[in-house]
Amino acid sequence: MKKLLILTGISCILTSCSVNYGGYPIRPYPTNNSGNAASAEREYSELIKTYKPETAEVLNDLLNDDDPGNPRTSISVENRSPCNMVLTISGNNFFKKIPITAGKMGYTMVPKNQNYRLSGTVCNSSYQSTKFITTSYSVKLSN
């Protein structure tokens, strides 16, 4: 009887440890995070083999201070995480995937004056943003 009482007391104490006293929601981690990381790394590995960066065009755009006569502008993303990533940029009649190595920058040229959806996975963290791009745009991502 005494052992049963002790076990009941211990289980009550352990149960109370899971109570969220701070008021912040407790979100369980998705069970397929390692699958997301593995698929993101596979996608990065496949894409990096054939990807051709637009280095000259992006540098010209940045150095010419967003020439108003140019119908295109640049988007650049700095990946400050320790993980490789693939950034997807989609807009009206535009779709591109950019592999970005850990600690490096990725960039591309896009038509001006449009909404673009930027998305990707950085070290199991999802990034999604919608921006109306009129001039060069830069963002820094970390995990």
N, C-alpha and C. Protein backbone atom coordinates (compact mmCIF):
# COMPACT_ATOMS: atom_id res chain seq x y z
N MET A 1 0.82 -1.18 0.00
CA MET A 1 0.00 0.00 0.00
C MET A 1 0.87 1.26 0.00
N LYS A 2 1.94 1.21 0.79
CA LYS A 2 2.83 2.35 0.89
C LYS A 2 3.51 2.62 -0.45
N LYS A 3 3.91 1.55 -1.18
CA LYS A 3 4.55 1.69 -2.48
C LYS A 3 3.58 2.32 -3.49
N LEU A 4 2.32 1.92 -3.44
CA LEU A 4 1.30 2.46 -4.33
C LEU A 4 1.11 3.95 -4.08
N LEU A 5 1.12 4.34 -2.84
CA LEU A 5 0.97 5.75 -2.48
C LEU A 5 2.17 6.56 -2.97
N ILE A 6 3.37 6.02 -2.86
CA ILE A 6 4.58 6.71 -3.32
C ILE A 6 4.57 6.84 -4.84
N LEU A 7 4.22 5.76 -5.54
CA LEU A 7 4.15 5.80 -7.00
C LEU A 7 3.10 6.80 -7.49
N THR A 8 1.97 6.87 -6.81
CA THR A 8 0.92 7.82 -7.16
C THR A 8 1.42 9.25 -6.96
N GLY A 9 2.12 9.48 -5.87
CA GLY A 9 2.68 10.81 -5.59
C GLY A 9 3.70 11.22 -6.63
N ILE A 10 4.58 10.31 -7.02
CA ILE A 10 5.59 10.59 -8.04
C ILE A 10 4.93 10.89 -9.38
N SER A 11 3.92 10.09 -9.74
CA SER A 11 3.26 10.34 -11.03
C SER A 11 2.53 11.67 -11.03
N CYS A 12 1.96 12.08 -9.88
CA CYS A 12 1.32 13.41 -9.79
C CYS A 12 2.34 14.52 -9.97
N ILE A 13 3.51 14.36 -9.38
CA ILE A 13 4.57 15.37 -9.51
C ILE A 13 5.03 15.45 -10.96
N LEU A 14 5.27 14.31 -11.58
CA LEU A 14 5.71 14.31 -12.98
C LEU A 14 4.65 14.88 -13.90
N THR A 15 3.39 14.61 -13.63
CA THR A 15 2.30 15.16 -14.44
C THR A 15 2.25 16.67 -14.32
N SER A 16 2.47 17.19 -13.12
CA SER A 16 2.40 18.64 -12.92
C SER A 16 3.54 19.35 -13.61
N CYS A 17 4.64 18.67 -13.90
CA CYS A 17 5.77 19.30 -14.59
C CYS A 17 5.42 19.72 -16.01
N SER A 18 4.43 19.11 -16.61
CA SER A 18 4.08 19.45 -17.98
C SER A 18 3.10 20.61 -18.06
N VAL A 19 2.69 21.17 -16.94
CA VAL A 19 1.76 22.29 -16.94
C VAL A 19 2.49 23.53 -17.46
N ASN A 20 1.83 24.31 -18.29
CA ASN A 20 2.43 25.49 -18.90
C ASN A 20 2.11 26.72 -18.06
N TYR A 21 2.95 27.03 -17.09
CA TYR A 21 2.69 28.14 -16.19
C TYR A 21 2.96 29.49 -16.83
N GLY A 22 3.79 29.59 -17.86
CA GLY A 22 4.16 30.87 -18.46
C GLY A 22 3.10 31.43 -19.39
N GLY A 23 2.11 30.67 -19.74
CA GLY A 23 1.06 31.15 -20.63
C GLY A 23 1.41 31.06 -22.10
N TYR A 24 2.60 30.60 -22.43
CA TYR A 24 2.98 30.45 -23.82
C TYR A 24 2.47 29.10 -24.33
N PRO A 25 1.98 29.07 -25.54
CA PRO A 25 1.48 27.79 -26.06
C PRO A 25 2.61 26.79 -26.26
N ILE A 26 2.34 25.57 -25.95
CA ILE A 26 3.30 24.51 -26.18
C ILE A 26 2.93 23.86 -27.51
N ARG A 27 3.88 23.94 -28.46
CA ARG A 27 3.63 23.34 -29.77
C ARG A 27 4.50 22.11 -29.92
N PRO A 28 3.89 20.99 -30.17
CA PRO A 28 4.71 19.80 -30.37
C PRO A 28 5.50 19.92 -31.67
N TYR A 29 6.69 19.36 -31.67
CA TYR A 29 7.50 19.39 -32.87
C TYR A 29 6.91 18.42 -33.89
N PRO A 30 6.87 18.81 -35.15
CA PRO A 30 6.36 17.88 -36.17
C PRO A 30 7.25 16.64 -36.22
N THR A 31 6.63 15.52 -36.46
CA THR A 31 7.38 14.27 -36.44
C THR A 31 8.19 14.07 -37.71
N ASN A 32 7.92 14.84 -38.77
CA ASN A 32 8.62 14.62 -40.03
C ASN A 32 9.67 15.68 -40.30
N ASN A 33 10.18 16.37 -39.27
CA ASN A 33 11.21 17.39 -39.49
C ASN A 33 12.46 16.82 -40.14
N SER A 34 12.89 15.65 -39.70
CA SER A 34 14.10 15.08 -40.28
C SER A 34 13.86 14.74 -41.74
N GLY A 35 12.64 14.37 -42.09
CA GLY A 35 12.31 14.13 -43.49
C GLY A 35 12.36 15.40 -44.30
N ASN A 36 11.88 16.52 -43.70
CA ASN A 36 11.95 17.81 -44.39
C ASN A 36 13.39 18.22 -44.61
N ALA A 37 14.24 18.05 -43.61
CA ALA A 37 15.64 18.43 -43.74
C ALA A 37 16.32 17.57 -44.80
N ALA A 38 16.03 16.28 -44.79
CA ALA A 38 16.63 15.39 -45.77
C ALA A 38 16.16 15.72 -47.18
N SER A 39 14.87 16.00 -47.35
CA SER A 39 14.37 16.33 -48.69
C SER A 39 14.89 17.68 -49.14
N ALA A 40 15.04 18.64 -48.23
CA ALA A 40 15.60 19.95 -48.59
C ALA A 40 17.05 19.80 -49.04
N GLU A 41 17.80 18.97 -48.34
CA GLU A 41 19.21 18.76 -48.71
C GLU A 41 19.32 18.03 -50.05
N ARG A 42 18.42 17.06 -50.29
CA ARG A 42 18.39 16.36 -51.58
C ARG A 42 18.07 17.33 -52.71
N GLU A 43 17.06 18.19 -52.49
CA GLU A 43 16.69 19.17 -53.50
C GLU A 43 17.85 20.12 -53.77
N TYR A 44 18.52 20.58 -52.70
CA TYR A 44 19.67 21.47 -52.85
C TYR A 44 20.76 20.78 -53.68
N SER A 45 21.08 19.52 -53.34
CA SER A 45 22.15 18.79 -54.04
C SER A 45 21.85 18.62 -55.52
N GLU A 46 20.61 18.35 -55.86
CA GLU A 46 20.24 18.20 -57.27
C GLU A 46 20.28 19.54 -58.01
N LEU A 47 19.77 20.57 -57.37
CA LEU A 47 19.67 21.88 -58.01
C LEU A 47 21.03 22.53 -58.20
N ILE A 48 21.94 22.37 -57.25
CA ILE A 48 23.25 23.03 -57.32
C ILE A 48 24.07 22.52 -58.51
N LYS A 49 23.78 21.31 -58.98
CA LYS A 49 24.51 20.73 -60.11
C LYS A 49 24.29 21.51 -61.40
N THR A 50 23.09 22.06 -61.58
CA THR A 50 22.75 22.71 -62.86
C THR A 50 22.47 24.21 -62.75
N TYR A 51 22.48 24.75 -61.54
CA TYR A 51 22.11 26.15 -61.34
C TYR A 51 23.16 27.10 -61.91
N LYS A 52 22.70 28.11 -62.62
CA LYS A 52 23.57 29.15 -63.19
C LYS A 52 23.18 30.49 -62.56
N PRO A 53 24.03 31.03 -61.66
CA PRO A 53 23.70 32.31 -61.02
C PRO A 53 23.79 33.48 -62.01
N GLU A 54 23.02 34.50 -61.73
CA GLU A 54 22.99 35.70 -62.58
C GLU A 54 23.86 36.80 -61.97
N THR A 55 25.10 36.48 -61.70
CA THR A 55 26.00 37.38 -60.97
C THR A 55 26.17 38.72 -61.66
N ALA A 56 26.47 38.74 -62.94
CA ALA A 56 26.73 40.00 -63.65
C ALA A 56 25.49 40.89 -63.65
N GLU A 57 24.32 40.31 -63.93
CA GLU A 57 23.10 41.10 -63.98
C GLU A 57 22.76 41.71 -62.62
N VAL A 58 22.92 40.90 -61.56
CA VAL A 58 22.61 41.39 -60.21
C VAL A 58 23.58 42.49 -59.80
N LEU A 59 24.87 42.30 -60.07
CA LEU A 59 25.85 43.34 -59.74
C LEU A 59 25.57 44.63 -60.51
N ASN A 60 25.24 44.53 -61.79
CA ASN A 60 24.89 45.72 -62.57
C ASN A 60 23.69 46.43 -61.96
N ASP A 61 22.70 45.67 -61.54
CA ASP A 61 21.51 46.26 -60.94
C ASP A 61 21.87 47.00 -59.65
N LEU A 62 22.67 46.37 -58.81
CA LEU A 62 23.04 46.99 -57.54
C LEU A 62 23.95 48.21 -57.74
N LEU A 63 24.88 48.12 -58.68
CA LEU A 63 25.81 49.24 -58.91
C LEU A 63 25.15 50.41 -59.64
N ASN A 64 24.17 50.13 -60.47
CA ASN A 64 23.48 51.20 -61.21
C ASN A 64 22.32 51.77 -60.42
N ASP A 65 22.25 51.42 -59.16
CA ASP A 65 21.26 51.99 -58.23
C ASP A 65 19.84 51.93 -58.79
N ASP A 66 19.42 50.74 -59.16
CA ASP A 66 18.05 50.50 -59.64
C ASP A 66 17.66 51.43 -60.79
N ASP A 67 18.33 51.27 -61.88
CA ASP A 67 18.06 52.05 -63.10
C ASP A 67 16.56 52.02 -63.40
N PRO A 68 15.88 53.20 -63.41
CA PRO A 68 14.44 53.22 -63.65
C PRO A 68 14.05 52.70 -65.03
N GLY A 69 14.96 52.72 -65.97
CA GLY A 69 14.67 52.22 -67.31
C GLY A 69 14.74 50.71 -67.42
N ASN A 70 15.33 50.06 -66.44
CA ASN A 70 15.45 48.61 -66.48
C ASN A 70 14.16 47.99 -65.93
N PRO A 71 13.51 47.10 -66.70
CA PRO A 71 12.26 46.50 -66.24
C PRO A 71 12.46 45.42 -65.18
N ARG A 72 13.72 45.08 -64.88
CA ARG A 72 14.01 44.03 -63.89
C ARG A 72 14.84 44.60 -62.74
N THR A 73 14.76 43.93 -61.60
CA THR A 73 15.55 44.28 -60.43
C THR A 73 15.99 43.01 -59.73
N SER A 74 16.81 43.15 -58.70
CA SER A 74 17.40 41.98 -58.05
C SER A 74 16.77 41.66 -56.71
N ILE A 75 16.78 40.37 -56.41
CA ILE A 75 16.44 39.86 -55.08
C ILE A 75 17.66 39.09 -54.61
N SER A 76 18.15 39.41 -53.41
CA SER A 76 19.28 38.67 -52.85
C SER A 76 18.93 38.19 -51.45
N VAL A 77 19.39 36.99 -51.13
CA VAL A 77 19.10 36.36 -49.84
C VAL A 77 20.41 35.86 -49.26
N GLU A 78 20.70 36.28 -48.04
CA GLU A 78 21.88 35.80 -47.34
C GLU A 78 21.45 34.69 -46.39
N ASN A 79 22.03 33.52 -46.57
CA ASN A 79 21.73 32.36 -45.74
C ASN A 79 22.74 32.33 -44.60
N ARG A 80 22.36 32.86 -43.44
CA ARG A 80 23.26 32.92 -42.28
C ARG A 80 23.18 31.66 -41.42
N SER A 81 22.52 30.64 -41.89
CA SER A 81 22.37 29.42 -41.11
C SER A 81 23.50 28.44 -41.45
N PRO A 82 23.65 27.38 -40.65
CA PRO A 82 24.64 26.35 -40.96
C PRO A 82 24.10 25.29 -41.93
N CYS A 83 22.92 25.54 -42.52
CA CYS A 83 22.28 24.55 -43.40
C CYS A 83 22.15 25.10 -44.81
N ASN A 84 22.32 24.23 -45.79
CA ASN A 84 22.02 24.59 -47.17
C ASN A 84 20.51 24.75 -47.30
N MET A 85 20.09 25.56 -48.26
CA MET A 85 18.65 25.75 -48.46
C MET A 85 18.34 25.96 -49.93
N VAL A 86 17.07 25.82 -50.26
CA VAL A 86 16.57 26.16 -51.59
C VAL A 86 15.48 27.21 -51.39
N LEU A 87 15.68 28.37 -52.01
CA LEU A 87 14.70 29.45 -51.96
C LEU A 87 13.85 29.38 -53.22
N THR A 88 12.54 29.39 -53.04
CA THR A 88 11.62 29.41 -54.17
C THR A 88 11.03 30.81 -54.27
N ILE A 89 11.13 31.39 -55.46
CA ILE A 89 10.55 32.70 -55.73
C ILE A 89 9.51 32.50 -56.82
N SER A 90 8.27 32.91 -56.51
CA SER A 90 7.21 32.76 -57.51
C SER A 90 6.40 34.04 -57.57
N GLY A 91 5.98 34.37 -58.79
CA GLY A 91 5.17 35.56 -59.02
C GLY A 91 4.39 35.38 -60.30
N ASN A 92 3.84 36.48 -60.80
CA ASN A 92 3.06 36.45 -62.03
C ASN A 92 3.98 36.08 -63.20
N ASN A 93 3.79 34.90 -63.77
CA ASN A 93 4.61 34.39 -64.86
C ASN A 93 6.09 34.30 -64.51
N PHE A 94 6.40 34.05 -63.24
CA PHE A 94 7.79 33.91 -62.81
C PHE A 94 7.87 32.81 -61.76
N PHE A 95 8.84 31.92 -61.92
CA PHE A 95 9.08 30.86 -60.94
C PHE A 95 10.54 30.47 -61.01
N LYS A 96 11.21 30.48 -59.87
CA LYS A 96 12.62 30.11 -59.85
C LYS A 96 12.99 29.53 -58.50
N LYS A 97 13.85 28.51 -58.53
CA LYS A 97 14.40 27.92 -57.31
C LYS A 97 15.89 28.22 -57.30
N ILE A 98 16.35 28.72 -56.15
CA ILE A 98 17.75 29.13 -56.02
C ILE A 98 18.39 28.33 -54.88
N PRO A 99 19.43 27.53 -55.17
CA PRO A 99 20.14 26.84 -54.10
C PRO A 99 21.08 27.83 -53.41
N ILE A 100 21.02 27.87 -52.07
CA ILE A 100 21.88 28.80 -51.33
C ILE A 100 22.66 28.00 -50.30
N THR A 101 23.98 28.00 -50.47
CA THR A 101 24.87 27.28 -49.57
C THR A 101 24.88 27.93 -48.20
N ALA A 102 25.07 27.14 -47.16
CA ALA A 102 25.14 27.65 -45.79
C ALA A 102 26.19 28.75 -45.70
N GLY A 103 25.80 29.90 -45.13
CA GLY A 103 26.72 31.01 -44.96
C GLY A 103 26.98 31.84 -46.20
N LYS A 104 26.27 31.57 -47.28
CA LYS A 104 26.50 32.28 -48.56
C LYS A 104 25.25 33.05 -48.97
N MET A 105 25.36 33.73 -50.13
CA MET A 105 24.24 34.50 -50.67
C MET A 105 23.73 33.86 -51.95
N GLY A 106 22.43 34.01 -52.17
CA GLY A 106 21.79 33.62 -53.41
C GLY A 106 21.08 34.83 -53.97
N TYR A 107 20.93 34.90 -55.28
CA TYR A 107 20.34 36.08 -55.88
C TYR A 107 19.80 35.75 -57.27
N THR A 108 18.90 36.61 -57.71
CA THR A 108 18.34 36.49 -59.05
C THR A 108 17.75 37.82 -59.47
N MET A 109 17.43 37.92 -60.73
CA MET A 109 16.74 39.08 -61.28
C MET A 109 15.28 38.72 -61.49
N VAL A 110 14.39 39.69 -61.20
CA VAL A 110 12.95 39.49 -61.36
C VAL A 110 12.36 40.73 -62.02
N PRO A 111 11.22 40.59 -62.71
CA PRO A 111 10.53 41.76 -63.23
C PRO A 111 10.06 42.67 -62.08
N LYS A 112 10.16 43.97 -62.27
CA LYS A 112 9.77 44.94 -61.24
C LYS A 112 8.25 45.05 -61.12
N ASN A 113 7.82 45.67 -60.03
CA ASN A 113 6.42 46.03 -59.78
C ASN A 113 5.47 44.84 -59.79
N GLN A 114 5.87 43.81 -59.07
CA GLN A 114 5.04 42.61 -58.95
C GLN A 114 5.13 42.07 -57.53
N ASN A 115 4.11 41.31 -57.14
CA ASN A 115 4.14 40.56 -55.89
C ASN A 115 4.89 39.27 -56.11
N TYR A 116 5.77 38.93 -55.15
CA TYR A 116 6.50 37.68 -55.20
C TYR A 116 6.35 36.96 -53.88
N ARG A 117 6.24 35.66 -53.96
CA ARG A 117 6.21 34.82 -52.77
C ARG A 117 7.57 34.16 -52.66
N LEU A 118 8.25 34.39 -51.54
CA LEU A 118 9.54 33.79 -51.26
C LEU A 118 9.32 32.73 -50.20
N SER A 119 9.86 31.54 -50.42
CA SER A 119 9.67 30.47 -49.44
C SER A 119 10.85 29.51 -49.47
N GLY A 120 11.05 28.85 -48.36
CA GLY A 120 12.12 27.87 -48.25
C GLY A 120 12.16 27.30 -46.86
N THR A 121 13.04 26.32 -46.67
CA THR A 121 13.25 25.71 -45.36
C THR A 121 14.70 25.92 -44.97
N VAL A 122 14.89 26.51 -43.78
CA VAL A 122 16.23 26.78 -43.27
C VAL A 122 16.40 25.99 -41.98
N CYS A 123 17.20 24.95 -42.01
CA CYS A 123 17.45 24.11 -40.83
C CYS A 123 16.14 23.71 -40.14
N ASN A 124 15.21 23.16 -40.86
CA ASN A 124 13.91 22.70 -40.36
C ASN A 124 12.96 23.83 -39.99
N SER A 125 13.34 25.07 -40.23
CA SER A 125 12.44 26.20 -40.00
C SER A 125 11.93 26.69 -41.34
N SER A 126 10.65 26.89 -41.42
CA SER A 126 10.04 27.32 -42.66
C SER A 126 10.07 28.84 -42.78
N TYR A 127 10.42 29.34 -43.95
CA TYR A 127 10.40 30.77 -44.24
C TYR A 127 9.41 31.01 -45.37
N GLN A 128 8.49 31.95 -45.16
CA GLN A 128 7.54 32.34 -46.20
C GLN A 128 7.29 33.83 -46.08
N SER A 129 7.31 34.50 -47.22
CA SER A 129 7.08 35.93 -47.23
C SER A 129 6.51 36.32 -48.58
N THR A 130 5.66 37.33 -48.58
CA THR A 130 5.15 37.89 -49.83
C THR A 130 5.56 39.36 -49.86
N LYS A 131 6.21 39.77 -50.93
CA LYS A 131 6.71 41.14 -51.06
C LYS A 131 6.34 41.70 -52.43
N PHE A 132 6.00 42.99 -52.43
CA PHE A 132 5.81 43.70 -53.69
C PHE A 132 7.16 44.33 -54.02
N ILE A 133 7.78 43.88 -55.10
CA ILE A 133 9.15 44.29 -55.43
C ILE A 133 9.14 45.40 -56.48
N THR A 134 9.68 46.55 -56.11
CA THR A 134 9.82 47.68 -57.04
C THR A 134 11.28 48.02 -57.28
N THR A 135 12.12 47.76 -56.27
CA THR A 135 13.56 48.00 -56.38
C THR A 135 14.27 46.79 -55.79
N SER A 136 15.59 46.82 -55.83
CA SER A 136 16.33 45.67 -55.32
C SER A 136 15.92 45.36 -53.89
N TYR A 137 15.85 44.08 -53.60
CA TYR A 137 15.36 43.62 -52.29
C TYR A 137 16.37 42.63 -51.73
N SER A 138 16.65 42.76 -50.44
CA SER A 138 17.61 41.88 -49.78
C SER A 138 17.04 41.41 -48.45
N VAL A 139 17.30 40.15 -48.11
CA VAL A 139 16.85 39.60 -46.84
C VAL A 139 17.94 38.67 -46.30
N LYS A 140 18.05 38.60 -44.96
CA LYS A 140 19.01 37.71 -44.30
C LYS A 140 18.22 36.68 -43.50
N LEU A 141 18.54 35.42 -43.71
CA LEU A 141 17.85 34.33 -43.02
C LEU A 141 18.82 33.58 -42.13
N SER A 142 18.36 33.19 -40.94
CA SER A 142 19.16 32.35 -40.06
C SER A 142 18.21 31.39 -39.35
N ASN A 143 18.78 30.37 -38.71
CA ASN A 143 17.91 29.39 -38.05
C ASN A 143 17.59 29.79 -36.65
